[in-house]
């Protein structure tokens, strides 16, 4: 498993959570304190793990659970 694949899976989970909560990327960016473009890149896994963590924290997600799901998805 590569780190890039892992970050993509984390980003996918963040996108699902954002959509379930009915936030736009702009709203998520404002909440996290970044531009909407950064949220888009986060959801593609194209940012640092620190940025993914900040996004997850804003959503109120448990990082260990989020990453466990991502790791399981990478094994598939």
C-alpha atoms as a PDB file:
ATOM      1  CA  UNK A   1       0.000   0.000   0.000  1.00  0.00           C
ATOM      2  CA  UNK A   2       1.307   3.419  -0.904  1.00  0.00           C
ATOM      3  CA  UNK A   3       0.817   6.602   1.087  1.00  0.00           C
ATOM      4  CA  UNK A   4      -0.858   8.167  -1.940  1.00  0.00           C
ATOM      5  CA  UNK A   5      -3.491   5.432  -2.107  1.00  0.00           C
ATOM      6  CA  UNK A   6      -4.045   5.795   1.633  1.00  0.00           C
ATOM      7  CA  UNK A   7      -4.528   9.574   1.365  1.00  0.00           C
ATOM      8  CA  UNK A   8      -6.991   9.089  -1.506  1.00  0.00           C
ATOM      9  CA  UNK A   9      -9.044   6.721   0.669  1.00  0.00           C
ATOM     10  CA  UNK A  10      -9.016   9.166   3.595  1.00  0.00           C
ATOM     11  CA  UNK A  11     -10.095  11.932   1.215  1.00  0.00           C
ATOM     12  CA  UNK A  12     -12.954   9.809  -0.076  1.00  0.00           C
ATOM     13  CA  UNK A  13     -14.183   9.269   3.478  1.00  0.00           C
ATOM     14  CA  UNK A  14     -13.992  12.996   4.183  1.00  0.00           C
ATOM     15  CA  UNK A  15     -16.012  13.750   1.045  1.00  0.00           C
ATOM     16  CA  UNK A  16     -18.692  11.269   2.082  1.00  0.00           C
ATOM     17  CA  UNK A  17     -18.916  12.803   5.549  1.00  0.00           C
ATOM     18  CA  UNK A  18     -19.113  16.347   4.173  1.00  0.00           C
ATOM     19  CA  UNK A  19     -21.864  15.410   1.753  1.00  0.00           C
ATOM     20  CA  UNK A  20     -23.846  13.543   4.410  1.00  0.00           C
ATOM     21  CA  UNK A  21     -23.765  16.704   6.520  1.00  0.00           C
ATOM     22  CA  UNK A  22     -24.783  18.731   3.457  1.00  0.00           C
ATOM     23  CA  UNK A  23     -21.835  21.146   3.567  1.00  0.00           C
ATOM     24  CA  UNK A  24     -20.481  22.653   0.377  1.00  0.00           C
ATOM     25  CA  UNK A  25     -16.738  22.644  -0.223  1.00  0.00           C
ATOM     26  CA  UNK A  26     -16.805  26.402   0.344  1.00  0.00           C
ATOM     27  CA  UNK A  27     -18.492  25.977   3.731  1.00  0.00           C
ATOM     28  CA  UNK A  28     -16.019  23.269   4.699  1.00  0.00           C
ATOM     29  CA  UNK A  29     -13.126  25.485   3.658  1.00  0.00           C
ATOM     30  CA  UNK A  30     -14.433  28.354   5.760  1.00  0.00           C
ATOM     31  CA  UNK A  31     -14.806  26.013   8.735  1.00  0.00           C
ATOM     32  CA  UNK A  32     -11.313  24.582   8.389  1.00  0.00           C
ATOM     33  CA  UNK A  33      -9.807  27.972   7.565  1.00  0.00           C
ATOM     34  CA  UNK A  34      -8.660  27.134   4.054  1.00  0.00           C
ATOM     35  CA  UNK A  35      -9.797  27.853   0.510  1.00  0.00           C
ATOM     36  CA  UNK A  36     -12.468  25.624  -1.067  1.00  0.00           C
ATOM     37  CA  UNK A  37      -9.789  24.491  -3.548  1.00  0.00           C
ATOM     38  CA  UNK A  38      -7.877  22.954  -0.646  1.00  0.00           C
ATOM     39  CA  UNK A  39     -10.981  21.022   0.379  1.00  0.00           C
ATOM     40  CA  UNK A  40     -11.317  19.738  -3.174  1.00  0.00           C
ATOM     41  CA  UNK A  41      -7.668  18.653  -3.165  1.00  0.00           C
ATOM     42  CA  UNK A  42      -8.116  17.083   0.273  1.00  0.00           C
ATOM     43  CA  UNK A  43     -10.982  14.981  -0.986  1.00  0.00           C
ATOM     44  CA  UNK A  44      -8.733  13.734  -3.775  1.00  0.00           C
ATOM     45  CA  UNK A  45      -5.942  12.924  -1.313  1.00  0.00           C
ATOM     46  CA  UNK A  46      -3.640  15.525  -2.878  1.00  0.00           C
ATOM     47  CA  UNK A  47      -2.657  17.339   0.331  1.00  0.00           C
ATOM     48  CA  UNK A  48      -0.545  16.577   3.389  1.00  0.00           C
ATOM     49  CA  UNK A  49      -1.724  14.304   6.167  1.00  0.00           C
ATOM     50  CA  UNK A  50      -1.788  17.385   8.413  1.00  0.00           C
ATOM     51  CA  UNK A  51      -4.344  19.024   6.109  1.00  0.00           C
ATOM     52  CA  UNK A  52      -6.445  15.851   6.036  1.00  0.00           C
ATOM     53  CA  UNK A  53      -6.300  15.705   9.824  1.00  0.00           C
ATOM     54  CA  UNK A  54      -7.450  19.334  10.147  1.00  0.00           C
ATOM     55  CA  UNK A  55     -10.383  18.649   7.829  1.00  0.00           C
ATOM     56  CA  UNK A  56     -11.348  15.523   9.784  1.00  0.00           C
ATOM     57  CA  UNK A  57     -11.098  17.425  13.067  1.00  0.00           C
ATOM     58  CA  UNK A  58     -13.418  20.136  11.750  1.00  0.00           C
ATOM     59  CA  UNK A  59     -15.940  17.439  10.823  1.00  0.00           C
ATOM     60  CA  UNK A  60     -15.590  16.030  14.340  1.00  0.00           C
ATOM     61  CA  UNK A  61     -14.331  12.676  13.101  1.00  0.00           C
ATOM     62  CA  UNK A  62     -12.228  10.288  15.121  1.00  0.00           C
ATOM     63  CA  UNK A  63      -8.920  10.157  13.225  1.00  0.00           C
ATOM     64  CA  UNK A  64      -8.110   6.593  14.293  1.00  0.00           C
ATOM     65  CA  UNK A  65     -11.479   5.280  13.074  1.00  0.00           C
ATOM     66  CA  UNK A  66     -11.211   7.245   9.835  1.00  0.00           C
ATOM     67  CA  UNK A  67      -7.756   5.903   9.108  1.00  0.00           C
ATOM     68  CA  UNK A  68      -8.771   2.336  10.023  1.00  0.00           C
ATOM     69  CA  UNK A  69     -11.503   2.466   7.381  1.00  0.00           C
ATOM     70  CA  UNK A  70      -9.038   3.900   4.869  1.00  0.00           C
ATOM     71  CA  UNK A  71      -6.533   1.129   5.582  1.00  0.00           C
ATOM     72  CA  UNK A  72      -9.217  -1.522   5.158  1.00  0.00           C
ATOM     73  CA  UNK A  73     -10.182   0.023   1.816  1.00  0.00           C
ATOM     74  CA  UNK A  74      -6.545  -0.063   0.688  1.00  0.00           C
ATOM     75  CA  UNK A  75      -6.438  -3.814   1.333  1.00  0.00           C
ATOM     76  CA  UNK A  76      -9.346  -4.440  -1.044  1.00  0.00           C
END
